Amino acid sequence: MIKGKVENIKDKIDGNELDLSLSNLTEVPVKELAAFPKATFLDLSCNNLTTLTPEFCGLTHLIKIDLSKNQLVCLPEEIGQLINLQHLDLYNNKLKQLPVGFSQLKSLKWLDLKDNPLESTLAKAAGDCLDEKQCKQCASRVLQHMKVLQEEADKERERRLLKEREQEMKKEAKQREKEAREREAQKKKKAEEKERKRKEYQAQMAALAAQEQQKKKREEKKKKAAQNQGKKTASESVPKAKRSICSMFFSLLIKLLLLLIVGVSSVLAVCQLTELRKEAFCVPLNIHFEETVRWAQGLEVVQQVIQKMSDFRT
């Protein structure tokens, strides 16, 4: 035997009993024990075991286990997997409480928990375990006590899970509300952006319409001005044409009158200054000329002109 290990487990088997007591073990050789499924009674008393590994609970073939006089401070939660376990000796260890999974040992008929610093409610359920009957009662009462603890643990777990679910639901509800607010804000933002673009479009259309209206008014104004200018030109061209015709007629008349005066003056000069004055056609002209001169001299205006001319000569 080496400290903490077993040299030859097979030599420790006697029928269905495997005796590893007084082996100075600090851990259980689970893998080696699993090789002997016919050894349903395992004696691990009087060793230095402080804990059992979860793998130990995989030795489901065990019916009786003696762990008395060790240093166990706790049992694994998976101990409920030992579904065939009927006899469990935990005398003289350092256990204060049992795992909730202990309630799953439905085949357990015998239990000894003497000389353990058990918490008060568990110690009360365990009793004294001074004889076979009391150990059987211990197994029954402890299982019932652990079932109550299991139910309370389940309820507590359910309450915790329910609370977690409620918190999760609240969190999800808040998240949905947040997403809804974000969607609403996004929707509002899009609506505002759309409204802004619509107003900009309307403003652009109004500006274009105003520009078009102003352009149309300017064109109409230009058209009216052109029409008025045309009418004015037409109205002005008629008097101008009339004036032009009158001017031409008057100029022609003046020219004819001047020609007539020049012609008459020439004839009078010929009839007055040449020897032709005695001719038959000059006699009446000379007579008329002299009468006209006398008539003109009799006019006051002519006399004033003659007087001024005389004054000028002097």
Protein backbone atom coordinates (compact mmCIF):
# COMPACT_ATOMS: atom_id res chain seq x y z
CA MET A 1 0.00 0.00 0.00
CA ILE A 2 1.34 3.45 -1.03
CA LYS A 3 0.03 6.57 0.66
CA GLY A 4 -3.14 7.79 -1.10
CA LYS A 5 -3.10 4.83 -3.55
CA VAL A 6 -3.87 1.13 -3.54
CA GLU A 7 -1.26 -1.35 -4.79
CA ASN A 8 -3.67 -4.11 -5.84
CA ILE A 9 -7.42 -3.49 -5.46
CA LYS A 10 -8.25 -6.99 -6.61
CA ASP A 11 -6.56 -8.40 -3.52
CA LYS A 12 -8.93 -6.31 -1.38
CA ILE A 13 -12.10 -7.86 -2.79
CA ASP A 14 -13.92 -10.53 -0.78
CA GLY A 15 -17.10 -11.64 -2.54
CA ASN A 16 -19.12 -8.46 -3.16
CA GLU A 17 -17.15 -6.46 -0.60
CA LEU A 18 -14.21 -4.21 -1.42
CA ASP A 19 -12.34 -3.24 1.75
CA LEU A 20 -10.16 -0.13 1.42
CA SER A 21 -10.38 0.87 5.09
CA LEU A 22 -7.28 1.94 6.96
CA SER A 23 -5.54 2.59 3.59
CA ASN A 24 -4.48 6.14 4.39
CA LEU A 25 -6.41 7.35 1.29
CA THR A 26 -6.76 11.09 0.57
CA GLU A 27 -8.80 10.44 -2.58
CA VAL A 28 -10.94 7.61 -3.93
CA PRO A 29 -9.46 5.66 -6.88
CA VAL A 30 -12.67 5.93 -8.90
CA LYS A 31 -11.33 4.60 -12.20
CA GLU A 32 -9.91 1.46 -10.50
CA LEU A 33 -13.17 0.88 -8.59
CA ALA A 34 -15.24 1.16 -11.74
CA ALA A 35 -13.44 -1.94 -13.06
CA PHE A 36 -15.14 -4.09 -10.41
CA PRO A 37 -18.91 -3.57 -10.75
CA LYS A 38 -19.66 -6.75 -8.76
CA ALA A 39 -18.16 -5.22 -5.64
CA THR A 40 -21.37 -3.57 -4.40
CA PHE A 41 -20.12 -2.95 -0.81
CA LEU A 42 -17.33 -0.40 -0.56
CA ASP A 43 -15.57 0.15 2.78
CA LEU A 44 -13.62 3.44 2.85
CA SER A 45 -13.67 3.94 6.63
CA CYS A 46 -10.72 5.19 8.64
CA ASN A 47 -8.98 7.13 5.84
CA ASN A 48 -8.10 10.79 5.28
CA LEU A 49 -10.79 11.69 2.75
CA THR A 50 -11.98 15.31 2.85
CA THR A 51 -14.10 15.40 -0.32
CA LEU A 52 -15.61 13.09 -2.91
CA THR A 53 -15.30 13.92 -6.58
CA PRO A 54 -18.38 14.09 -8.84
CA GLU A 55 -16.94 11.08 -10.70
CA PHE A 56 -17.37 9.01 -7.51
CA CYS A 57 -21.14 9.37 -7.97
CA GLY A 58 -20.81 7.47 -11.23
CA LEU A 59 -20.27 4.22 -9.30
CA THR A 60 -23.97 3.46 -9.52
CA HIS A 61 -23.48 -0.27 -8.85
CA LEU A 62 -22.73 0.43 -5.17
CA ILE A 63 -25.39 -0.63 -2.67
CA LYS A 64 -23.50 -0.05 0.58
CA ILE A 65 -20.81 2.54 1.33
CA ASP A 66 -18.94 3.04 4.59
CA LEU A 67 -17.28 6.46 4.85
CA SER A 68 -17.12 6.61 8.63
CA LYS A 69 -14.15 8.10 10.45
CA ASN A 70 -12.88 10.34 7.63
CA GLN A 71 -12.49 14.10 7.33
CA LEU A 72 -15.38 14.78 4.88
CA VAL A 73 -16.59 18.37 5.00
CA CYS A 74 -19.06 18.07 2.13
CA LEU A 75 -20.63 15.64 -0.34
CA PRO A 76 -20.93 16.23 -4.09
CA GLU A 77 -24.26 17.54 -5.42
CA GLU A 78 -24.29 14.62 -7.85
CA ILE A 79 -24.62 12.09 -5.02
CA GLY A 80 -28.23 11.56 -6.03
CA GLN A 81 -26.93 9.60 -9.04
CA LEU A 82 -26.18 6.64 -6.71
CA ILE A 83 -29.66 5.29 -7.40
CA ASN A 84 -28.93 1.79 -5.98
CA LEU A 85 -27.40 2.99 -2.71
CA GLN A 86 -29.27 1.53 0.33
CA HIS A 87 -26.75 1.84 3.17
CA LEU A 88 -24.58 4.91 3.84
CA ASP A 89 -22.38 5.31 6.90
CA LEU A 90 -21.11 8.88 7.47
CA TYR A 91 -20.30 8.51 11.16
CA ASN A 92 -17.58 10.74 12.63
CA ASN A 93 -16.91 13.21 9.80
CA LYS A 94 -17.05 17.02 9.57
CA LEU A 95 -20.30 17.42 7.68
CA LYS A 96 -22.45 20.45 8.49
CA GLN A 97 -25.07 19.95 5.83
CA LEU A 98 -25.99 17.66 2.94
CA PRO A 99 -26.40 18.61 -0.72
CA VAL A 100 -29.96 19.04 -1.98
CA GLY A 101 -29.32 16.23 -4.45
CA PHE A 102 -29.22 13.87 -1.45
CA SER A 103 -33.02 13.70 -1.69
CA GLN A 104 -32.65 11.71 -4.94
CA LEU A 105 -31.29 8.68 -3.04
CA LYS A 106 -34.68 6.97 -3.25
CA SER A 107 -33.26 3.50 -2.45
CA LEU A 108 -31.58 4.64 0.78
CA LYS A 109 -32.78 2.61 3.82
CA TRP A 110 -29.99 3.12 6.37
CA LEU A 111 -28.06 6.23 7.33
CA ASP A 112 -25.71 7.17 10.16
CA LEU A 113 -24.80 10.82 10.71
CA LYS A 114 -23.60 10.67 14.32
CA ASP A 115 -20.63 12.79 15.40
CA ASN A 116 -20.97 15.38 12.62
CA PRO A 117 -21.35 19.14 13.30
CA LEU A 118 -24.72 19.17 11.54
CA GLU A 119 -26.79 22.32 11.37
CA SER A 120 -29.69 22.23 13.80
CA THR A 121 -32.62 21.33 11.53
CA LEU A 122 -30.65 18.55 9.86
CA ALA A 123 -29.41 17.24 13.23
CA LYS A 124 -32.98 17.20 14.50
CA ALA A 125 -34.12 15.22 11.44
CA ALA A 126 -31.20 12.76 11.75
CA GLY A 127 -31.78 11.87 15.38
CA ASP A 128 -29.39 9.78 17.49
CA CYS A 129 -28.73 6.73 15.23
CA LEU A 130 -27.87 4.59 18.25
CA ASP A 131 -29.21 1.35 16.80
CA GLU A 132 -30.41 -0.24 13.56
CA LYS A 133 -33.94 1.06 13.92
CA GLN A 134 -32.85 4.62 14.57
CA CYS A 135 -30.48 4.54 11.58
CA LYS A 136 -33.34 3.39 9.36
CA GLN A 137 -35.51 6.19 10.78
CA CYS A 138 -32.62 8.57 10.20
CA ALA A 139 -32.51 7.63 6.54
CA SER A 140 -36.27 8.13 6.18
CA ARG A 141 -36.40 11.45 8.08
CA VAL A 142 -33.29 12.89 6.41
CA LEU A 143 -34.61 11.99 2.96
CA GLN A 144 -37.93 13.64 3.86
CA HIS A 145 -36.08 16.67 5.20
CA MET A 146 -33.92 16.88 2.08
CA LYS A 147 -37.01 16.53 -0.12
CA VAL A 148 -38.50 19.53 1.65
CA LEU A 149 -35.23 21.38 1.11
CA GLN A 150 -35.26 20.18 -2.50
CA GLU A 151 -38.78 21.49 -2.96
CA GLU A 152 -37.84 24.78 -1.32
CA ALA A 153 -34.72 24.93 -3.48
CA ASP A 154 -36.83 24.14 -6.55
CA LYS A 155 -39.32 26.81 -5.55
CA GLU A 156 -36.52 29.22 -4.90
CA ARG A 157 -34.98 28.32 -8.22
CA GLU A 158 -38.37 28.73 -9.88
CA ARG A 159 -38.82 32.08 -8.14
CA ARG A 160 -35.35 33.06 -9.22
CA LEU A 161 -35.98 31.87 -12.76
CA LEU A 162 -39.38 33.59 -12.72
CA LYS A 163 -37.76 36.76 -11.45
CA GLU A 164 -35.05 36.46 -14.07
CA ARG A 165 -37.70 35.87 -16.73
CA GLU A 166 -39.68 38.85 -15.45
CA GLN A 167 -36.55 40.96 -15.46
CA GLU A 168 -35.74 39.66 -18.92
CA MET A 169 -39.30 40.36 -20.05
CA LYS A 170 -39.10 43.84 -18.54
CA LYS A 171 -35.77 44.31 -20.23
CA GLU A 172 -37.21 43.07 -23.51
CA ALA A 173 -40.28 45.30 -22.99
CA LYS A 174 -38.02 48.27 -22.36
CA GLN A 175 -35.97 47.32 -25.38
CA ARG A 176 -39.15 47.06 -27.46
CA GLU A 177 -40.32 50.40 -26.10
CA LYS A 178 -36.94 51.89 -26.88
CA GLU A 179 -37.02 50.42 -30.38
CA ALA A 180 -40.61 51.62 -30.80
CA ARG A 181 -39.57 55.12 -29.69
CA GLU A 182 -36.61 54.99 -32.03
CA ARG A 183 -38.87 53.82 -34.87
CA GLU A 184 -41.37 56.55 -34.01
CA ALA A 185 -38.59 59.13 -33.84
CA GLN A 186 -37.21 57.87 -37.15
CA LYS A 187 -40.70 57.92 -38.64
CA LYS A 188 -41.25 61.45 -37.31
CA LYS A 189 -37.87 62.51 -38.64
CA LYS A 190 -38.69 61.07 -42.06
CA ALA A 191 -42.09 62.77 -41.99
CA GLU A 192 -40.47 66.10 -41.03
CA GLU A 193 -37.86 65.64 -43.74
CA LYS A 194 -40.59 64.82 -46.25
CA GLU A 195 -42.62 67.85 -45.12
CA ARG A 196 -39.52 70.04 -45.41
CA LYS A 197 -38.84 68.79 -48.92
CA ARG A 198 -42.51 69.27 -49.81
CA LYS A 199 -42.41 72.86 -48.58
CA GLU A 200 -39.15 73.46 -50.44
CA TYR A 201 -40.72 72.01 -53.57
CA GLN A 202 -43.82 74.18 -53.13
CA ALA A 203 -41.63 77.22 -52.54
CA GLN A 204 -39.62 76.42 -55.69
CA MET A 205 -42.82 75.93 -57.68
CA ALA A 206 -44.23 79.18 -56.28
CA ALA A 207 -41.00 80.99 -57.15
CA LEU A 208 -41.04 79.54 -60.65
CA ALA A 209 -44.72 80.46 -61.02
CA ALA A 210 -43.97 84.00 -59.81
CA GLN A 211 -41.05 84.26 -62.22
CA GLU A 212 -43.23 82.93 -65.01
CA GLN A 213 -45.99 85.38 -64.08
CA GLN A 214 -43.52 88.28 -63.99
CA LYS A 215 -42.08 87.17 -67.32
CA LYS A 216 -45.56 86.94 -68.76
CA LYS A 217 -46.42 90.40 -67.42
CA ARG A 218 -43.20 91.83 -68.86
CA GLU A 219 -43.96 90.24 -72.22
CA GLU A 220 -47.52 91.56 -72.11
CA LYS A 221 -46.17 94.99 -71.10
CA LYS A 222 -43.65 94.90 -73.94
CA LYS A 223 -46.37 93.76 -76.31
CA LYS A 224 -48.69 96.56 -75.20
CA ALA A 225 -45.82 99.06 -75.38
CA ALA A 226 -45.03 97.84 -78.88
CA GLN A 227 -48.69 98.10 -79.83
CA ASN A 228 -48.91 101.58 -78.32
CA GLN A 229 -45.70 102.57 -80.07
CA GLY A 230 -47.09 101.25 -83.33
CA LYS A 231 -50.32 103.16 -82.84
CA LYS A 232 -48.38 106.30 -81.86
CA THR A 233 -46.11 105.95 -84.88
CA ALA A 234 -49.08 105.38 -87.12
CA SER A 235 -50.95 108.32 -85.56
CA GLU A 236 -47.87 110.53 -85.85
CA SER A 237 -47.07 109.44 -89.42
CA VAL A 238 -50.45 110.61 -90.78
CA PRO A 239 -50.13 114.30 -89.69
CA LYS A 240 -46.48 114.22 -90.66
CA ALA A 241 -47.39 112.98 -94.11
CA LYS A 242 -50.10 115.58 -94.30
CA ARG A 243 -47.67 118.27 -93.19
CA SER A 244 -45.15 117.06 -95.70
CA ILE A 245 -47.70 117.24 -98.51
CA CYS A 246 -48.84 120.69 -97.42
CA SER A 247 -45.24 121.86 -97.17
CA MET A 248 -44.50 120.58 -100.62
CA PHE A 249 -47.64 122.22 -102.04
CA PHE A 250 -46.88 125.51 -100.30
CA SER A 251 -43.29 125.43 -101.49
CA LEU A 252 -44.44 124.75 -105.01
CA LEU A 253 -46.98 127.53 -104.75
CA ILE A 254 -44.30 129.96 -103.51
CA LYS A 255 -42.04 128.94 -106.32
CA LEU A 256 -44.82 129.46 -108.87
CA LEU A 257 -45.66 132.80 -107.29
CA LEU A 258 -42.00 133.85 -107.39
CA LEU A 259 -41.78 132.76 -111.01
CA LEU A 260 -44.92 134.73 -111.73
CA ILE A 261 -43.55 137.78 -109.95
CA VAL A 262 -40.23 137.42 -111.71
CA GLY A 263 -42.01 136.99 -115.03
CA VAL A 264 -44.32 139.95 -114.44
CA SER A 265 -41.35 142.01 -113.19
CA SER A 266 -39.39 141.07 -116.27
CA VAL A 267 -42.27 141.98 -118.57
CA LEU A 268 -42.81 145.27 -116.67
CA ALA A 269 -39.11 145.99 -116.84
CA VAL A 270 -39.12 145.35 -120.55
CA CYS A 271 -42.21 147.45 -121.04
CA GLN A 272 -40.86 150.29 -118.84
CA LEU A 273 -37.21 150.41 -119.71
CA THR A 274 -37.07 149.44 -123.39
CA GLU A 275 -38.50 150.84 -126.53
CA LEU A 276 -41.18 148.18 -126.42
CA ARG A 277 -43.18 150.30 -123.98
CA LYS A 278 -44.97 151.84 -126.89
CA GLU A 279 -46.04 148.51 -128.24
CA ALA A 280 -49.69 147.56 -128.04
CA PHE A 281 -49.22 144.75 -125.46
CA CYS A 282 -47.09 146.97 -123.13
CA VAL A 283 -49.46 149.97 -123.05
CA PRO A 284 -52.14 148.37 -120.87
CA LEU A 285 -49.42 146.90 -118.61
CA ASN A 286 -47.80 150.26 -118.13
CA ILE A 287 -51.15 151.83 -117.33
CA HIS A 288 -51.93 149.18 -114.74
CA PHE A 289 -48.44 149.46 -113.27
CA GLU A 290 -48.71 153.22 -112.86
CA GLU A 291 -52.18 152.93 -111.30
CA THR A 292 -50.86 150.33 -108.94
CA VAL A 293 -47.91 152.53 -107.96
CA ARG A 294 -50.19 155.45 -107.30
CA TRP A 295 -52.49 153.27 -105.25
CA ALA A 296 -49.60 151.92 -103.21
CA GLN A 297 -48.23 155.39 -102.61
CA GLY A 298 -51.59 156.38 -101.28
CA LEU A 299 -51.33 153.69 -98.58
CA GLU A 300 -50.14 154.95 -95.18
CA VAL A 301 -47.89 151.96 -94.63
CA VAL A 302 -46.13 152.51 -97.92
CA GLN A 303 -45.68 156.17 -97.15
CA GLN A 304 -44.07 155.31 -93.80
CA VAL A 305 -41.70 152.90 -95.55
CA ILE A 306 -40.78 155.56 -98.17
CA GLN A 307 -40.18 158.12 -95.40
CA LYS A 308 -37.90 155.73 -93.52
CA MET A 309 -35.98 154.97 -96.69
CA SER A 310 -35.52 158.69 -97.25
CA ASP A 311 -34.33 159.17 -93.76
CA PHE A 312 -31.89 156.37 -94.22
CA ARG A 313 -30.46 157.98 -97.41
CA THR A 314 -29.93 161.26 -95.62
